[in-house]
C-alpha cells in the first residue's frame, strides 16, 4: 500500500529503494530484505498495469 501510494505521489523507484536501504539500519537487514521483495512485487504489478 505504501509503495504504491509513494509512486502515485511522484516518488521515484530509486527514492523508494533508498528509503528501504536506510530503514535496514533501524529495522534490521531481514526486515529490509522482506520490504525490498515486497516492493519488487509491487513494481512488477505496476508494470503489468494492475
N, C-alpha and C. Protein backbone atom coordinates (compact mmCIF):
# COMPACT_ATOMS: atom_id res chain seq x y z
N UNK A 1 0.83 -1.17 0.00
CA UNK A 1 0.00 0.00 0.00
C UNK A 1 0.88 1.25 0.00
N UNK A 2 1.90 1.30 0.83
CA UNK A 2 2.72 2.50 0.94
C UNK A 2 3.61 2.70 -0.28
N UNK A 3 4.10 1.61 -0.86
CA UNK A 3 4.94 1.72 -2.05
C UNK A 3 4.12 2.28 -3.19
N UNK A 4 2.94 1.76 -3.38
CA UNK A 4 2.06 2.23 -4.46
C UNK A 4 1.66 3.70 -4.21
N UNK A 5 1.36 4.05 -2.98
CA UNK A 5 0.98 5.43 -2.66
C UNK A 5 2.14 6.38 -2.92
N UNK A 6 3.34 5.97 -2.56
CA UNK A 6 4.51 6.82 -2.82
C UNK A 6 4.70 7.02 -4.32
N UNK A 7 4.56 5.96 -5.08
CA UNK A 7 4.71 6.06 -6.53
C UNK A 7 3.64 6.97 -7.12
N UNK A 8 2.43 6.92 -6.57
CA UNK A 8 1.35 7.79 -7.05
C UNK A 8 1.62 9.25 -6.73
N UNK A 9 2.50 9.51 -5.76
CA UNK A 9 2.86 10.87 -5.38
C UNK A 9 4.21 11.28 -5.95
N UNK A 10 4.57 10.65 -7.07
CA UNK A 10 5.78 11.00 -7.84
C UNK A 10 7.09 10.74 -7.11
N UNK A 11 7.11 9.80 -6.18
CA UNK A 11 8.36 9.35 -5.59
C UNK A 11 8.93 8.31 -6.55
N UNK A 12 10.20 8.46 -6.93
CA UNK A 12 10.79 7.54 -7.89
C UNK A 12 11.09 6.19 -7.24
N UNK A 13 11.25 5.19 -8.07
CA UNK A 13 11.60 3.86 -7.56
C UNK A 13 12.94 3.90 -6.84
N UNK A 14 13.86 4.69 -7.36
CA UNK A 14 15.17 4.80 -6.73
C UNK A 14 15.06 5.42 -5.35
N UNK A 15 14.18 6.40 -5.20
CA UNK A 15 13.98 7.03 -3.89
C UNK A 15 13.34 6.04 -2.91
N UNK A 16 12.39 5.26 -3.39
CA UNK A 16 11.76 4.25 -2.54
C UNK A 16 12.80 3.23 -2.09
N UNK A 17 13.64 2.79 -3.00
CA UNK A 17 14.68 1.82 -2.64
C UNK A 17 15.67 2.42 -1.64
N UNK A 18 15.99 3.70 -1.78
CA UNK A 18 16.89 4.36 -0.84
C UNK A 18 16.27 4.41 0.56
N UNK A 19 14.98 4.68 0.63
CA UNK A 19 14.30 4.69 1.93
C UNK A 19 14.37 3.31 2.57
N UNK A 20 14.15 2.28 1.77
CA UNK A 20 14.21 0.91 2.31
C UNK A 20 15.62 0.57 2.76
N UNK A 21 16.62 1.04 2.04
CA UNK A 21 18.00 0.81 2.43
C UNK A 21 18.30 1.49 3.77
N UNK A 22 17.84 2.71 3.93
CA UNK A 22 18.05 3.42 5.19
C UNK A 22 17.28 2.74 6.33
N UNK A 23 16.12 2.19 6.04
CA UNK A 23 15.33 1.51 7.06
C UNK A 23 16.04 0.27 7.58
N UNK A 24 16.92 -0.30 6.78
CA UNK A 24 17.65 -1.50 7.21
C UNK A 24 18.46 -1.21 8.46
N UNK A 25 18.95 0.00 8.59
CA UNK A 25 19.74 0.37 9.76
C UNK A 25 18.90 0.29 11.03
N UNK A 26 17.65 0.72 10.92
CA UNK A 26 16.78 0.79 12.09
C UNK A 26 15.97 -0.47 12.31
N UNK A 27 15.56 -1.11 11.23
CA UNK A 27 14.68 -2.28 11.32
C UNK A 27 15.43 -3.60 11.29
N UNK A 28 16.64 -3.56 10.75
CA UNK A 28 17.40 -4.78 10.59
C UNK A 28 17.37 -5.25 9.14
N UNK A 29 18.41 -5.97 8.78
CA UNK A 29 18.56 -6.42 7.39
C UNK A 29 17.46 -7.39 6.98
N UNK A 30 17.07 -8.36 7.82
CA UNK A 30 16.00 -9.28 7.38
C UNK A 30 14.69 -8.55 7.05
N UNK A 31 14.32 -7.58 7.86
CA UNK A 31 13.09 -6.84 7.59
C UNK A 31 13.23 -6.01 6.31
N UNK A 32 14.40 -5.41 6.11
CA UNK A 32 14.63 -4.62 4.90
C UNK A 32 14.60 -5.51 3.66
N UNK A 33 15.17 -6.69 3.75
CA UNK A 33 15.13 -7.62 2.62
C UNK A 33 13.69 -7.98 2.27
N UNK A 34 12.88 -8.22 3.29
CA UNK A 34 11.47 -8.54 3.05
C UNK A 34 10.78 -7.35 2.38
N UNK A 35 11.10 -6.14 2.84
CA UNK A 35 10.49 -4.95 2.25
C UNK A 35 10.91 -4.78 0.80
N UNK A 36 12.19 -5.06 0.48
CA UNK A 36 12.65 -4.97 -0.90
C UNK A 36 11.91 -5.95 -1.79
N UNK A 37 11.69 -7.17 -1.29
CA UNK A 37 10.97 -8.17 -2.09
C UNK A 37 9.52 -7.73 -2.33
N UNK A 38 8.89 -7.20 -1.31
CA UNK A 38 7.52 -6.72 -1.47
C UNK A 38 7.47 -5.57 -2.47
N UNK A 39 8.43 -4.64 -2.36
CA UNK A 39 8.47 -3.52 -3.28
C UNK A 39 8.66 -3.98 -4.72
N UNK A 40 9.52 -4.98 -4.92
CA UNK A 40 9.73 -5.51 -6.27
C UNK A 40 8.45 -6.12 -6.83
N UNK A 41 7.68 -6.81 -5.97
CA UNK A 41 6.40 -7.37 -6.40
C UNK A 41 5.43 -6.26 -6.81
N UNK A 42 5.39 -5.19 -6.02
CA UNK A 42 4.50 -4.07 -6.33
C UNK A 42 4.93 -3.41 -7.63
N UNK A 43 6.24 -3.21 -7.82
CA UNK A 43 6.73 -2.62 -9.06
C UNK A 43 6.34 -3.48 -10.25
N UNK A 44 6.44 -4.80 -10.10
CA UNK A 44 6.07 -5.71 -11.20
C UNK A 44 4.58 -5.60 -11.51
N UNK A 45 3.75 -5.50 -10.46
CA UNK A 45 2.31 -5.34 -10.66
C UNK A 45 2.01 -4.01 -11.37
N UNK A 46 2.72 -2.96 -10.97
CA UNK A 46 2.51 -1.66 -11.59
C UNK A 46 2.92 -1.69 -13.06
N UNK A 47 4.02 -2.39 -13.37
CA UNK A 47 4.48 -2.51 -14.75
C UNK A 47 3.48 -3.31 -15.59
N UNK A 48 2.82 -4.27 -14.96
CA UNK A 48 1.85 -5.10 -15.66
C UNK A 48 0.50 -4.39 -15.82
N UNK A 49 0.37 -3.23 -15.18
CA UNK A 49 -0.86 -2.46 -15.32
C UNK A 49 -1.93 -2.82 -14.33
N UNK A 50 -1.59 -3.46 -13.26
CA UNK A 50 -2.59 -3.81 -12.24
C UNK A 50 -2.67 -2.79 -11.17
